[in-house]
């Protein structure tokens, strides 16, 4: 993982108050992967999460780190290939 993606994972961890293991983070290629992990982790803790709200938070954090418009970030945008994050 490059500096952008490491920073992004740290932002996700802080925003969702959870820890993302390095082995899991390395496999998270799209916002959908992150959203699904967050929802599953919340469920494991006995909490529900609104998938749309989780994605919107991921979208805005990604746009902020990547210096792009939130509309450029879709569920299936690849962080590295499509969004140019290293």
C-alpha atoms as a PDB file:
ATOM      1  CA  UNK A   1       0.000   0.000   0.000  1.00  0.00           C
ATOM      2  CA  UNK A   2       1.157   3.477  -0.817  1.00  0.00           C
ATOM      3  CA  UNK A   3       1.060   6.565   1.349  1.00  0.00           C
ATOM      4  CA  UNK A   4      -2.385   7.677   0.094  1.00  0.00           C
ATOM      5  CA  UNK A   5      -4.007   4.329   0.775  1.00  0.00           C
ATOM      6  CA  UNK A   6      -2.377   3.988   4.202  1.00  0.00           C
ATOM      7  CA  UNK A   7      -3.680   7.451   5.102  1.00  0.00           C
ATOM      8  CA  UNK A   8      -7.108   6.507   3.772  1.00  0.00           C
ATOM      9  CA  UNK A   9      -7.240   3.313   5.850  1.00  0.00           C
ATOM     10  CA  UNK A  10      -6.302   5.312   8.942  1.00  0.00           C
ATOM     11  CA  UNK A  11      -9.101   7.783   8.181  1.00  0.00           C
ATOM     12  CA  UNK A  12     -11.579   4.920   7.755  1.00  0.00           C
ATOM     13  CA  UNK A  13     -10.502   3.426  11.073  1.00  0.00           C
ATOM     14  CA  UNK A  14     -10.983   6.737  12.850  1.00  0.00           C
ATOM     15  CA  UNK A  15     -14.270   7.607  11.136  1.00  0.00           C
ATOM     16  CA  UNK A  16     -15.855   4.236  11.853  1.00  0.00           C
ATOM     17  CA  UNK A  17     -14.131   3.615  15.199  1.00  0.00           C
ATOM     18  CA  UNK A  18     -12.704   0.251  14.218  1.00  0.00           C
ATOM     19  CA  UNK A  19      -9.424  -1.401  13.355  1.00  0.00           C
ATOM     20  CA  UNK A  20      -8.753  -2.710   9.873  1.00  0.00           C
ATOM     21  CA  UNK A  21      -6.068  -5.415   9.917  1.00  0.00           C
ATOM     22  CA  UNK A  22      -3.272  -4.848   7.407  1.00  0.00           C
ATOM     23  CA  UNK A  23      -4.067  -8.124   5.651  1.00  0.00           C
ATOM     24  CA  UNK A  24      -7.680  -6.983   5.156  1.00  0.00           C
ATOM     25  CA  UNK A  25      -6.720  -3.435   4.176  1.00  0.00           C
ATOM     26  CA  UNK A  26      -4.384  -4.772   1.482  1.00  0.00           C
ATOM     27  CA  UNK A  27      -7.354  -6.506  -0.175  1.00  0.00           C
ATOM     28  CA  UNK A  28      -9.665  -3.460  -0.084  1.00  0.00           C
ATOM     29  CA  UNK A  29      -9.507  -2.260  -3.661  1.00  0.00           C
ATOM     30  CA  UNK A  30     -12.827  -0.379  -3.837  1.00  0.00           C
ATOM     31  CA  UNK A  31     -15.180   1.601  -1.601  1.00  0.00           C
ATOM     32  CA  UNK A  32     -17.559  -1.378  -1.816  1.00  0.00           C
ATOM     33  CA  UNK A  33     -14.946  -3.559  -0.105  1.00  0.00           C
ATOM     34  CA  UNK A  34     -14.560  -0.998   2.670  1.00  0.00           C
ATOM     35  CA  UNK A  35     -18.324  -0.547   3.058  1.00  0.00           C
ATOM     36  CA  UNK A  36     -18.897  -4.290   3.277  1.00  0.00           C
ATOM     37  CA  UNK A  37     -16.146  -4.661   5.877  1.00  0.00           C
ATOM     38  CA  UNK A  38     -17.545  -1.829   8.004  1.00  0.00           C
ATOM     39  CA  UNK A  39     -21.085  -3.245   7.859  1.00  0.00           C
ATOM     40  CA  UNK A  40     -19.847  -6.746   8.747  1.00  0.00           C
ATOM     41  CA  UNK A  41     -17.701  -5.436  11.601  1.00  0.00           C
ATOM     42  CA  UNK A  42     -20.601  -3.415  13.009  1.00  0.00           C
ATOM     43  CA  UNK A  43     -22.861  -6.489  12.762  1.00  0.00           C
ATOM     44  CA  UNK A  44     -20.228  -8.573  14.551  1.00  0.00           C
ATOM     45  CA  UNK A  45     -20.392  -6.010  17.367  1.00  0.00           C
ATOM     46  CA  UNK A  46     -24.190  -6.203  17.435  1.00  0.00           C
ATOM     47  CA  UNK A  47     -24.782  -2.874  15.695  1.00  0.00           C
ATOM     48  CA  UNK A  48     -26.502  -1.982  12.474  1.00  0.00           C
ATOM     49  CA  UNK A  49     -25.077   0.356   9.881  1.00  0.00           C
ATOM     50  CA  UNK A  50     -26.877   2.081   7.038  1.00  0.00           C
ATOM     51  CA  UNK A  51     -25.024   0.981   3.861  1.00  0.00           C
ATOM     52  CA  UNK A  52     -25.764   4.289   2.108  1.00  0.00           C
ATOM     53  CA  UNK A  53     -24.517   6.377   5.022  1.00  0.00           C
ATOM     54  CA  UNK A  54     -21.377   4.244   5.310  1.00  0.00           C
ATOM     55  CA  UNK A  55     -20.670   4.664   1.602  1.00  0.00           C
ATOM     56  CA  UNK A  56     -21.216   8.436   1.748  1.00  0.00           C
ATOM     57  CA  UNK A  57     -18.657   8.724   4.542  1.00  0.00           C
ATOM     58  CA  UNK A  58     -16.210   6.561   2.556  1.00  0.00           C
ATOM     59  CA  UNK A  59     -16.890   8.653  -0.557  1.00  0.00           C
ATOM     60  CA  UNK A  60     -16.171  11.943   1.189  1.00  0.00           C
ATOM     61  CA  UNK A  61     -13.041  10.704   2.954  1.00  0.00           C
ATOM     62  CA  UNK A  62     -11.703   9.262  -0.293  1.00  0.00           C
ATOM     63  CA  UNK A  63     -12.417  12.493  -2.172  1.00  0.00           C
ATOM     64  CA  UNK A  64     -10.712  14.526   0.534  1.00  0.00           C
ATOM     65  CA  UNK A  65      -7.568  12.361   0.594  1.00  0.00           C
ATOM     66  CA  UNK A  66      -7.489  12.097  -3.196  1.00  0.00           C
ATOM     67  CA  UNK A  67      -8.224  15.777  -3.773  1.00  0.00           C
ATOM     68  CA  UNK A  68     -11.166  14.999  -6.051  1.00  0.00           C
ATOM     69  CA  UNK A  69     -14.899  15.592  -6.241  1.00  0.00           C
ATOM     70  CA  UNK A  70     -17.029  13.127  -4.235  1.00  0.00           C
ATOM     71  CA  UNK A  71     -19.015  12.347  -7.388  1.00  0.00           C
ATOM     72  CA  UNK A  72     -15.874  10.798  -8.867  1.00  0.00           C
ATOM     73  CA  UNK A  73     -15.930   8.099  -6.188  1.00  0.00           C
ATOM     74  CA  UNK A  74     -18.344   5.248  -6.885  1.00  0.00           C
ATOM     75  CA  UNK A  75     -18.848   1.989  -5.028  1.00  0.00           C
ATOM     76  CA  UNK A  76     -16.756   0.159  -7.591  1.00  0.00           C
ATOM     77  CA  UNK A  77     -14.041   2.756  -8.260  1.00  0.00           C
ATOM     78  CA  UNK A  78     -10.667   1.166  -7.706  1.00  0.00           C
ATOM     79  CA  UNK A  79      -8.633   3.277  -5.313  1.00  0.00           C
ATOM     80  CA  UNK A  80      -5.398   2.843  -7.241  1.00  0.00           C
ATOM     81  CA  UNK A  81      -6.430   2.204 -10.846  1.00  0.00           C
ATOM     82  CA  UNK A  82      -9.445   4.522 -11.207  1.00  0.00           C
ATOM     83  CA  UNK A  83      -8.832   7.167  -8.568  1.00  0.00           C
ATOM     84  CA  UNK A  84      -5.046   7.388  -8.847  1.00  0.00           C
ATOM     85  CA  UNK A  85      -4.301   6.848  -5.162  1.00  0.00           C
ATOM     86  CA  UNK A  86      -0.945   5.229  -4.494  1.00  0.00           C
END
